[in-house]
């Protein structure tokens, strides 16, 4: 049975800790349904756009959005179909709500959704029976030679046995998703569409094992924003050995967990801002635009009930006391907080 080789480094631990912290904030944030649905739709759009753009799709973000909204656009039919297909993949992932027994059939179903109408019927959802290679688009040179087709069924069986095993399920879900991503890309089970099928299956693992995190994030965006780094780290791990079982996945897992942490931190800040805005709106009766410094002050007040200058200076370093004081004064002026003087110091509290 396949057993992945990797080391839990300090970087991996820190990334997973950041992911857990973000997950707690996001899942406990009191978002109203309309906000949550809007953010989910936005995350799905970004995933579809970046997930196909990463593979060479030429549609712009706006064009992809128009396609998903049902509009007719002038563009290459294949590009349009890729976007429609990956939207269908995301819709399928939205149905995943529980731990699963992972199967090759499930992987093939994701591939079918990914590549429908793009390949001959006999290649859609079918494990490849020919050798494939990955070439550099600029030079034409071979950059990656996946395993021979005769080995693919056995490699998949070995991997899925591990993924479903007691040993495999003891690994943290985020690491399991990262391992899934790499191993499926490395095996390259299909003649085409391996990247999207592998990434979507890794996302399925996250969703099925409690890390859907309200479906508000797009890991595909992180990969696409620096595609060179994404492919470089995959290639670096793959070049270590011809034997999949001998490759050390540590470097890949550092990259993967870092990407998820970065994307969730962006979502966390967005959720925090909206939660604070909603609380203030309920308190003062109208929408208030907060600066980044004021948002930090409000988060502290919501957690602790009051704040003094000495704590605010630690909360907002690298600015003067006068600057912090102006932020307090603006919040007081807007009727959001109140000032209470005690001898030489002042305490600021939420206005009730």
Protein backbone atom coordinates (compact mmCIF):
# COMPACT_ATOMS: atom_id res chain seq x y z
CA UNK A 1 0.00 0.00 0.00
CA UNK A 2 1.26 3.46 -0.88
CA UNK A 3 2.34 5.57 2.09
CA UNK A 4 3.33 9.19 1.44
CA UNK A 5 6.71 10.42 2.65
CA UNK A 6 6.73 13.86 4.26
CA UNK A 7 7.93 15.73 7.33
CA UNK A 8 5.77 17.94 9.54
CA UNK A 9 8.00 21.01 9.55
CA UNK A 10 7.51 24.17 11.57
CA UNK A 11 6.24 25.88 8.42
CA UNK A 12 3.60 23.20 7.87
CA UNK A 13 2.56 23.37 11.53
CA UNK A 14 2.27 27.16 11.41
CA UNK A 15 0.29 27.06 8.19
CA UNK A 16 -2.14 24.48 9.57
CA UNK A 17 -2.50 26.51 12.79
CA UNK A 18 -3.34 29.60 10.69
CA UNK A 19 -5.85 27.58 8.68
CA UNK A 20 -7.54 26.35 11.87
CA UNK A 21 -7.69 29.88 13.30
CA UNK A 22 -9.23 31.24 10.11
CA UNK A 23 -11.66 28.34 9.93
CA UNK A 24 -12.94 29.06 13.44
CA UNK A 25 -13.49 32.76 12.74
CA UNK A 26 -15.16 32.18 9.37
CA UNK A 27 -17.46 29.38 10.48
CA UNK A 28 -18.58 31.26 13.59
CA UNK A 29 -19.07 34.61 11.86
CA UNK A 30 -22.73 35.77 11.98
CA UNK A 31 -23.07 36.43 8.25
CA UNK A 32 -26.57 37.03 6.98
CA UNK A 33 -27.60 34.54 4.24
CA UNK A 34 -27.53 37.05 1.39
CA UNK A 35 -23.90 38.01 2.16
CA UNK A 36 -22.86 34.37 2.50
CA UNK A 37 -24.48 33.38 -0.82
CA UNK A 38 -22.80 36.32 -2.58
CA UNK A 39 -19.38 35.32 -1.24
CA UNK A 40 -19.93 31.68 -2.18
CA UNK A 41 -20.89 32.64 -5.73
CA UNK A 42 -17.83 34.90 -5.94
CA UNK A 43 -15.52 32.11 -4.69
CA UNK A 44 -17.02 29.66 -7.21
CA UNK A 45 -16.50 32.16 -10.04
CA UNK A 46 -12.88 32.75 -9.04
CA UNK A 47 -12.28 29.00 -8.80
CA UNK A 48 -13.76 28.36 -12.24
CA UNK A 49 -11.87 31.24 -13.86
CA UNK A 50 -8.49 30.59 -12.26
CA UNK A 51 -8.80 26.80 -12.46
CA UNK A 52 -9.23 26.96 -16.23
CA UNK A 53 -6.89 29.92 -16.80
CA UNK A 54 -4.14 27.95 -15.06
CA UNK A 55 -4.50 25.32 -17.81
CA UNK A 56 -4.28 27.83 -20.67
CA UNK A 57 -7.88 29.02 -21.07
CA UNK A 58 -7.88 32.40 -22.83
CA UNK A 59 -11.13 33.86 -21.47
CA UNK A 60 -10.85 36.99 -19.34
CA UNK A 61 -12.39 37.05 -15.87
CA UNK A 62 -15.28 39.15 -17.18
CA UNK A 63 -15.87 36.78 -20.10
CA UNK A 64 -15.91 33.78 -17.76
CA UNK A 65 -18.41 35.58 -15.54
CA UNK A 66 -20.65 36.32 -18.51
CA UNK A 67 -20.53 32.68 -19.62
CA UNK A 68 -21.56 31.52 -16.15
CA UNK A 69 -24.42 34.02 -16.20
CA UNK A 70 -25.71 32.44 -19.40
CA UNK A 71 -24.66 35.17 -21.82
CA UNK A 72 -23.43 34.53 -25.35
CA UNK A 73 -19.87 35.72 -25.98
CA UNK A 74 -17.52 35.66 -28.94
CA UNK A 75 -14.66 33.35 -28.02
CA UNK A 76 -13.16 29.97 -28.79
CA UNK A 77 -15.77 27.25 -28.19
CA UNK A 78 -13.32 25.10 -26.26
CA UNK A 79 -12.59 27.92 -23.80
CA UNK A 80 -16.31 28.46 -23.23
CA UNK A 81 -16.92 24.73 -22.73
CA UNK A 82 -14.05 24.43 -20.25
CA UNK A 83 -15.60 27.16 -18.10
CA UNK A 84 -19.06 25.57 -18.26
CA UNK A 85 -17.59 22.18 -17.37
CA UNK A 86 -15.64 23.46 -14.37
CA UNK A 87 -18.77 25.24 -13.16
CA UNK A 88 -20.46 21.83 -13.23
CA UNK A 89 -17.59 20.40 -11.20
CA UNK A 90 -18.09 23.10 -8.55
CA UNK A 91 -21.81 22.37 -8.44
CA UNK A 92 -21.05 18.70 -7.86
CA UNK A 93 -18.62 19.56 -5.05
CA UNK A 94 -21.37 21.62 -3.41
CA UNK A 95 -23.27 18.36 -2.84
CA UNK A 96 -20.43 16.87 -0.79
CA UNK A 97 -21.39 17.09 2.88
CA UNK A 98 -20.03 14.02 4.63
CA UNK A 99 -16.97 11.74 4.88
CA UNK A 100 -16.73 9.46 1.87
CA UNK A 101 -15.22 6.24 0.71
CA UNK A 102 -12.99 7.55 -2.03
CA UNK A 103 -13.01 5.58 -5.26
CA UNK A 104 -11.52 5.61 -8.72
CA UNK A 105 -15.08 5.80 -10.05
CA UNK A 106 -15.54 9.08 -8.16
CA UNK A 107 -12.33 10.42 -9.69
CA UNK A 108 -13.53 9.35 -13.14
CA UNK A 109 -16.85 11.12 -12.54
CA UNK A 110 -15.03 14.37 -11.78
CA UNK A 111 -12.99 13.89 -14.93
CA UNK A 112 -16.17 13.36 -16.94
CA UNK A 113 -17.59 16.64 -15.65
CA UNK A 114 -14.28 18.38 -16.34
CA UNK A 115 -13.72 17.21 -19.89
CA UNK A 116 -17.24 16.67 -21.26
CA UNK A 117 -17.50 17.60 -24.97
CA UNK A 118 -13.77 18.30 -25.09
CA UNK A 119 -12.48 14.79 -25.81
CA UNK A 120 -13.74 11.80 -27.81
CA UNK A 121 -16.34 9.85 -25.75
CA UNK A 122 -13.98 6.91 -25.23
CA UNK A 123 -11.50 9.19 -23.38
CA UNK A 124 -14.01 10.94 -21.11
CA UNK A 125 -13.84 9.56 -17.57
CA UNK A 126 -11.58 6.74 -18.76
CA UNK A 127 -8.20 5.80 -17.32
CA UNK A 128 -5.59 6.31 -20.02
CA UNK A 129 -4.15 3.38 -21.94
CA UNK A 130 -1.40 5.29 -23.68
CA UNK A 131 1.76 7.09 -22.60
CA UNK A 132 1.48 10.86 -22.17
CA UNK A 133 4.08 13.55 -21.54
CA UNK A 134 3.95 17.15 -20.37
CA UNK A 135 5.85 19.60 -22.56
CA UNK A 136 7.11 23.13 -22.07
CA UNK A 137 4.86 25.37 -24.18
CA UNK A 138 7.78 27.64 -25.13
CA UNK A 139 10.50 25.11 -25.97
CA UNK A 140 8.53 21.96 -26.74
CA UNK A 141 10.81 20.00 -24.44
CA UNK A 142 9.42 17.28 -22.16
CA UNK A 143 9.15 18.57 -18.60
CA UNK A 144 7.34 15.63 -17.03
CA UNK A 145 6.92 11.99 -18.03
CA UNK A 146 4.12 10.33 -16.01
CA UNK A 147 4.16 6.60 -15.26
CA UNK A 148 3.49 4.13 -18.10
CA UNK A 149 -0.21 3.50 -18.65
CA UNK A 150 0.11 -0.13 -17.57
CA UNK A 151 1.10 1.05 -14.07
CA UNK A 152 -1.70 3.60 -13.64
CA UNK A 153 -4.47 1.28 -12.34
CA UNK A 154 -2.12 -0.24 -9.76
CA UNK A 155 -0.84 3.16 -8.62
CA UNK A 156 -4.40 4.43 -8.24
CA UNK A 157 -5.46 1.33 -6.29
CA UNK A 158 -2.48 1.75 -3.96
CA UNK A 159 -3.20 5.41 -3.37
CA UNK A 160 -6.94 5.02 -2.76
CA UNK A 161 -6.25 2.14 -0.39
CA UNK A 162 -4.09 4.51 1.65
CA UNK A 163 -6.59 7.38 1.41
CA UNK A 164 -9.38 5.16 2.79
CA UNK A 165 -7.23 3.36 5.36
CA UNK A 166 -7.11 3.95 9.11
CA UNK A 167 -3.52 5.10 8.73
CA UNK A 168 -4.44 7.53 5.98
CA UNK A 169 -7.43 8.97 7.83
CA UNK A 170 -5.23 9.75 10.85
CA UNK A 171 -3.45 12.41 8.75
CA UNK A 172 -4.86 15.94 9.05
CA UNK A 173 -7.50 16.61 6.32
CA UNK A 174 -5.58 19.57 4.91
CA UNK A 175 -2.48 17.42 4.45
CA UNK A 176 -4.62 14.61 2.99
CA UNK A 177 -5.98 17.07 0.44
CA UNK A 178 -2.48 18.27 -0.43
CA UNK A 179 -1.19 14.72 -0.79
CA UNK A 180 -4.20 13.86 -2.97
CA UNK A 181 -3.50 16.84 -5.21
CA UNK A 182 0.12 15.90 -5.76
CA UNK A 183 -0.30 12.14 -6.16
CA UNK A 184 -3.10 12.38 -8.72
CA UNK A 185 -1.15 14.95 -10.74
CA UNK A 186 1.92 12.69 -10.57
CA UNK A 187 0.01 9.58 -11.71
CA UNK A 188 -1.70 11.56 -14.50
CA UNK A 189 -4.55 9.04 -14.87
CA UNK A 190 -6.14 10.59 -17.96
CA UNK A 191 -5.05 11.62 -21.43
CA UNK A 192 -6.10 15.21 -20.69
CA UNK A 193 -7.68 17.24 -17.87
CA UNK A 194 -5.46 15.84 -15.12
CA UNK A 195 -4.77 19.17 -13.42
CA UNK A 196 -8.43 20.14 -13.01
CA UNK A 197 -9.49 16.61 -12.04
CA UNK A 198 -6.70 16.38 -9.45
CA UNK A 199 -7.34 19.81 -7.93
CA UNK A 200 -11.09 19.24 -7.78
CA UNK A 201 -10.61 15.85 -6.11
CA UNK A 202 -8.33 17.48 -3.53
CA UNK A 203 -11.06 20.07 -2.91
CA UNK A 204 -13.56 17.21 -2.55
CA UNK A 205 -11.38 15.76 0.23
CA UNK A 206 -11.39 19.10 2.04
CA UNK A 207 -15.17 19.47 1.70
CA UNK A 208 -15.92 15.88 2.71
CA UNK A 209 -13.73 16.06 5.80
CA UNK A 210 -15.07 19.24 7.34
CA UNK A 211 -12.91 21.88 5.65
CA UNK A 212 -15.36 23.37 3.19
CA UNK A 213 -15.23 26.51 5.41
CA UNK A 214 -18.54 27.80 4.07
CA UNK A 215 -17.14 27.39 0.53
CA UNK A 216 -15.87 30.97 0.64
CA UNK A 217 -12.30 30.42 -0.61
CA UNK A 218 -10.59 29.74 -3.93
CA UNK A 219 -7.35 27.80 -3.71
CA UNK A 220 -7.20 27.79 -7.52
CA UNK A 221 -6.72 31.57 -7.41
CA UNK A 222 -3.57 31.17 -5.31
CA UNK A 223 -2.10 28.65 -7.78
CA UNK A 224 -2.97 30.73 -10.84
CA UNK A 225 -1.67 34.04 -9.48
CA UNK A 226 1.86 32.57 -9.63
CA UNK A 227 1.51 29.64 -11.99
CA UNK A 228 5.28 29.38 -12.45
CA UNK A 229 5.75 28.71 -8.72
CA UNK A 230 2.91 26.17 -8.75
CA UNK A 231 4.38 24.12 -11.58
CA UNK A 232 7.92 24.55 -10.29
CA UNK A 233 7.18 22.98 -6.92
CA UNK A 234 5.28 20.10 -8.53
CA UNK A 235 8.19 19.51 -10.91
CA UNK A 236 10.76 19.73 -8.11
CA UNK A 237 9.09 16.94 -6.13
CA UNK A 238 8.53 14.80 -9.23
CA UNK A 239 12.20 15.04 -10.25
CA UNK A 240 13.41 13.43 -7.02
CA UNK A 241 12.73 9.85 -8.07
CA UNK A 242 11.05 7.74 -10.76
CA UNK A 243 9.33 5.85 -7.94
CA UNK A 244 6.30 7.73 -6.62
CA UNK A 245 6.61 6.07 -3.21
CA UNK A 246 10.16 7.41 -2.82
CA UNK A 247 9.34 11.07 -3.36
CA UNK A 248 9.37 13.42 -0.37
CA UNK A 249 6.23 15.59 -0.44
CA UNK A 250 7.36 17.98 2.30
CA UNK A 251 8.18 20.89 -0.01
CA UNK A 252 4.85 20.50 -1.81
CA UNK A 253 2.89 20.39 1.46
CA UNK A 254 4.60 23.58 2.66
CA UNK A 255 3.47 25.26 -0.56
CA UNK A 256 -0.05 23.79 -0.46
CA UNK A 257 -0.75 24.65 3.18
CA UNK A 258 0.71 28.12 2.70
CA UNK A 259 -1.66 28.71 -0.21
CA UNK A 260 -4.71 27.62 1.73
CA UNK A 261 -3.66 29.73 4.72
CA UNK A 262 -3.20 32.83 2.52
CA UNK A 263 -6.60 32.40 0.87
CA UNK A 264 -8.40 31.80 4.16
CA UNK A 265 -6.72 34.80 5.79
CA UNK A 266 -8.18 36.96 3.00
CA UNK A 267 -11.63 35.50 3.64
CA UNK A 268 -11.25 35.93 7.39
CA UNK A 269 -10.47 39.63 7.06
CA UNK A 270 -13.41 40.13 4.73
CA UNK A 271 -15.75 38.27 7.08
CA UNK A 272 -14.47 40.18 10.10
CA UNK A 273 -15.03 43.50 8.39
CA UNK A 274 -18.59 42.65 7.36
CA UNK A 275 -19.42 41.21 10.80
CA UNK A 276 -18.14 44.37 12.47
CA UNK A 277 -20.02 46.55 9.97
CA UNK A 278 -23.26 44.67 10.64
CA UNK A 279 -22.84 45.00 14.40
CA UNK A 280 -22.21 48.73 14.09
CA UNK A 281 -25.14 49.18 11.75
CA UNK A 282 -27.42 47.53 14.30
CA UNK A 283 -25.98 49.76 17.02
CA UNK A 284 -26.10 53.15 15.28
CA UNK A 285 -28.85 52.51 12.74
CA UNK A 286 -26.85 53.11 9.57
CA UNK A 287 -23.87 51.76 7.62
CA UNK A 288 -20.46 53.05 8.75
CA UNK A 289 -17.23 52.76 6.76
CA UNK A 290 -14.37 51.68 9.03
CA UNK A 291 -10.69 52.20 8.40
CA UNK A 292 -8.37 49.22 8.88
CA UNK A 293 -7.21 50.66 12.22
CA UNK A 294 -10.77 51.24 13.38
CA UNK A 295 -11.69 47.69 12.40
CA UNK A 296 -8.91 46.35 14.65
CA UNK A 297 -10.15 48.56 17.50
CA UNK A 298 -13.71 47.30 17.05
CA UNK A 299 -12.59 43.67 16.95
CA UNK A 300 -10.72 44.22 20.23
CA UNK A 301 -13.74 45.92 21.81
CA UNK A 302 -16.06 43.12 20.70
CA UNK A 303 -13.71 40.60 22.31
CA UNK A 304 -12.77 42.49 25.49
CA UNK A 305 -15.46 45.11 26.11
CA UNK A 306 -13.09 48.06 26.54
CA UNK A 307 -9.72 49.36 25.43
CA UNK A 308 -7.11 51.80 26.70
CA UNK A 309 -4.35 53.56 24.79
CA UNK A 310 -1.60 51.22 26.04
CA UNK A 311 -3.39 48.24 24.51
CA UNK A 312 -4.29 50.13 21.35
CA UNK A 313 -0.60 50.93 20.77
CA UNK A 314 0.19 47.20 20.81
CA UNK A 315 -2.78 46.51 18.57
CA UNK A 316 -1.82 49.18 16.03
CA UNK A 317 1.98 49.47 16.07
CA UNK A 318 4.09 51.71 13.85
CA UNK A 319 1.75 54.72 14.18
CA UNK A 320 1.83 57.60 16.63
CA UNK A 321 -0.38 57.92 19.71
CA UNK A 322 -1.94 61.02 18.13
CA UNK A 323 -3.00 58.95 15.11
CA UNK A 324 -4.62 56.32 17.33
CA UNK A 325 -6.33 59.07 19.32
CA UNK A 326 -7.85 60.46 16.12
CA UNK A 327 -9.27 57.02 15.34
CA UNK A 328 -10.86 56.90 18.81
CA UNK A 329 -12.24 60.40 18.41
CA UNK A 330 -13.80 59.56 15.03
CA UNK A 331 -15.52 56.47 16.49
CA UNK A 332 -16.79 58.58 19.41
CA UNK A 333 -18.04 61.26 17.01
CA UNK A 334 -19.97 58.68 15.02
CA UNK A 335 -21.65 57.42 18.18
CA UNK A 336 -20.07 53.95 18.01
CA UNK A 337 -17.96 54.08 21.18
CA UNK A 338 -17.85 56.26 24.26
CA UNK A 339 -14.98 57.66 26.29
CA UNK A 340 -14.68 57.30 30.05
CA UNK A 341 -11.96 59.24 31.87
CA UNK A 342 -10.26 57.78 34.92
CA UNK A 343 -7.55 60.02 36.37
CA UNK A 344 -4.65 60.23 33.95
CA UNK A 345 -6.01 57.66 31.49
CA UNK A 346 -9.09 57.10 29.40
CA UNK A 347 -11.04 53.95 28.63
CA UNK A 348 -13.10 53.48 25.49
CA UNK A 349 -16.16 51.23 25.44
CA UNK A 350 -18.84 50.26 22.97
CA UNK A 351 -21.72 52.67 23.15
CA UNK A 352 -24.92 50.88 24.21
